[in-house]
């Protein structure tokens, strides 16, 4: 079924985006770089996704877990 495949692709892409953004968040050391990334997120993503990114990034354990996701295992 095409809709199932489309859903799987959309889910994979969403997870990939979240993984990449958490990797970026973890690479920010200085407060200024964190603020710059948060501002970029606010411009790029919906308010809901922006809030989710901030929430995940603020919890280092969550951020590391997401950044280390093996997406191939999630297919």
C-alpha atoms as a PDB file:
ATOM      1  CA  UNK A   1       0.000   0.000   0.000  1.00  0.00           C
ATOM      2  CA  UNK A   2       1.429   3.383  -1.038  1.00  0.00           C
ATOM      3  CA  UNK A   3       0.069   5.295   1.939  1.00  0.00           C
ATOM      4  CA  UNK A   4       1.841   2.891   4.314  1.00  0.00           C
ATOM      5  CA  UNK A   5       5.116   3.422   2.436  1.00  0.00           C
ATOM      6  CA  UNK A   6       4.560   7.192   2.457  1.00  0.00           C
ATOM      7  CA  UNK A   7       3.929   7.098   6.195  1.00  0.00           C
ATOM      8  CA  UNK A   8       7.087   5.065   6.782  1.00  0.00           C
ATOM      9  CA  UNK A   9       9.106   7.515   4.691  1.00  0.00           C
ATOM     10  CA  UNK A  10       7.633  10.483   6.526  1.00  0.00           C
ATOM     11  CA  UNK A  11       8.363   8.896   9.904  1.00  0.00           C
ATOM     12  CA  UNK A  12      11.939   8.068   8.882  1.00  0.00           C
ATOM     13  CA  UNK A  13      12.514  11.636   7.644  1.00  0.00           C
ATOM     14  CA  UNK A  14      11.067  13.077  10.839  1.00  0.00           C
ATOM     15  CA  UNK A  15      13.336  10.897  12.983  1.00  0.00           C
ATOM     16  CA  UNK A  16      16.333  11.792  10.829  1.00  0.00           C
ATOM     17  CA  UNK A  17      15.610  15.517  11.217  1.00  0.00           C
ATOM     18  CA  UNK A  18      15.278  15.147  14.991  1.00  0.00           C
ATOM     19  CA  UNK A  19      18.493  13.107  15.197  1.00  0.00           C
ATOM     20  CA  UNK A  20      20.471  15.667  13.180  1.00  0.00           C
ATOM     21  CA  UNK A  21      19.148  18.582  15.218  1.00  0.00           C
ATOM     22  CA  UNK A  22      20.046  16.879  18.507  1.00  0.00           C
ATOM     23  CA  UNK A  23      23.548  16.229  17.165  1.00  0.00           C
ATOM     24  CA  UNK A  24      23.776  19.940  16.349  1.00  0.00           C
ATOM     25  CA  UNK A  25      22.457  20.885  19.792  1.00  0.00           C
ATOM     26  CA  UNK A  26      25.012  18.677  21.533  1.00  0.00           C
ATOM     27  CA  UNK A  27      27.815  20.270  19.515  1.00  0.00           C
ATOM     28  CA  UNK A  28      26.908  23.718  20.889  1.00  0.00           C
ATOM     29  CA  UNK A  29      29.114  24.530  23.855  1.00  0.00           C
ATOM     30  CA  UNK A  30      28.833  28.281  24.329  1.00  0.00           C
ATOM     31  CA  UNK A  31      25.550  29.899  25.375  1.00  0.00           C
ATOM     32  CA  UNK A  32      25.780  32.171  22.326  1.00  0.00           C
ATOM     33  CA  UNK A  33      25.900  29.195  19.949  1.00  0.00           C
ATOM     34  CA  UNK A  34      22.944  27.600  21.750  1.00  0.00           C
ATOM     35  CA  UNK A  35      20.928  30.816  21.380  1.00  0.00           C
ATOM     36  CA  UNK A  36      21.854  31.060  17.703  1.00  0.00           C
ATOM     37  CA  UNK A  37      20.717  27.475  17.073  1.00  0.00           C
ATOM     38  CA  UNK A  38      17.451  28.061  18.978  1.00  0.00           C
ATOM     39  CA  UNK A  39      16.792  31.180  16.891  1.00  0.00           C
ATOM     40  CA  UNK A  40      17.432  29.193  13.706  1.00  0.00           C
ATOM     41  CA  UNK A  41      15.034  26.487  14.860  1.00  0.00           C
ATOM     42  CA  UNK A  42      12.347  29.088  15.624  1.00  0.00           C
ATOM     43  CA  UNK A  43      12.631  30.446  12.072  1.00  0.00           C
ATOM     44  CA  UNK A  44      12.847  27.061  10.377  1.00  0.00           C
ATOM     45  CA  UNK A  45      10.276  24.915  12.138  1.00  0.00           C
ATOM     46  CA  UNK A  46       6.696  25.150  13.362  1.00  0.00           C
ATOM     47  CA  UNK A  47       6.139  26.423  16.899  1.00  0.00           C
ATOM     48  CA  UNK A  48       5.221  22.912  18.062  1.00  0.00           C
ATOM     49  CA  UNK A  49       8.347  21.284  16.597  1.00  0.00           C
ATOM     50  CA  UNK A  50      10.491  24.173  17.884  1.00  0.00           C
ATOM     51  CA  UNK A  51       9.204  23.568  21.423  1.00  0.00           C
ATOM     52  CA  UNK A  52       9.853  19.834  21.099  1.00  0.00           C
ATOM     53  CA  UNK A  53      13.415  20.468  19.926  1.00  0.00           C
ATOM     54  CA  UNK A  54      14.076  22.823  22.842  1.00  0.00           C
ATOM     55  CA  UNK A  55      12.578  20.361  25.310  1.00  0.00           C
ATOM     56  CA  UNK A  56      14.717  17.499  23.988  1.00  0.00           C
ATOM     57  CA  UNK A  57      17.879  19.604  23.812  1.00  0.00           C
ATOM     58  CA  UNK A  58      17.504  20.804  27.410  1.00  0.00           C
ATOM     59  CA  UNK A  59      17.570  17.224  28.686  1.00  0.00           C
ATOM     60  CA  UNK A  60      21.058  16.000  27.864  1.00  0.00           C
ATOM     61  CA  UNK A  61      20.182  12.336  28.397  1.00  0.00           C
ATOM     62  CA  UNK A  62      17.283  12.618  25.926  1.00  0.00           C
ATOM     63  CA  UNK A  63      19.395  14.589  23.442  1.00  0.00           C
ATOM     64  CA  UNK A  64      22.190  11.988  23.533  1.00  0.00           C
ATOM     65  CA  UNK A  65      19.718   9.122  23.138  1.00  0.00           C
ATOM     66  CA  UNK A  66      18.130  10.741  20.074  1.00  0.00           C
ATOM     67  CA  UNK A  67      21.489  11.752  18.593  1.00  0.00           C
ATOM     68  CA  UNK A  68      22.617   8.112  18.878  1.00  0.00           C
ATOM     69  CA  UNK A  69      19.505   6.616  17.256  1.00  0.00           C
ATOM     70  CA  UNK A  70      20.236   3.884  14.738  1.00  0.00           C
ATOM     71  CA  UNK A  71      17.538   4.701  12.190  1.00  0.00           C
ATOM     72  CA  UNK A  72      18.131   1.547  10.189  1.00  0.00           C
ATOM     73  CA  UNK A  73      16.988  -0.503  13.179  1.00  0.00           C
ATOM     74  CA  UNK A  74      13.790   1.537  13.380  1.00  0.00           C
ATOM     75  CA  UNK A  75      12.612   0.684   9.874  1.00  0.00           C
END
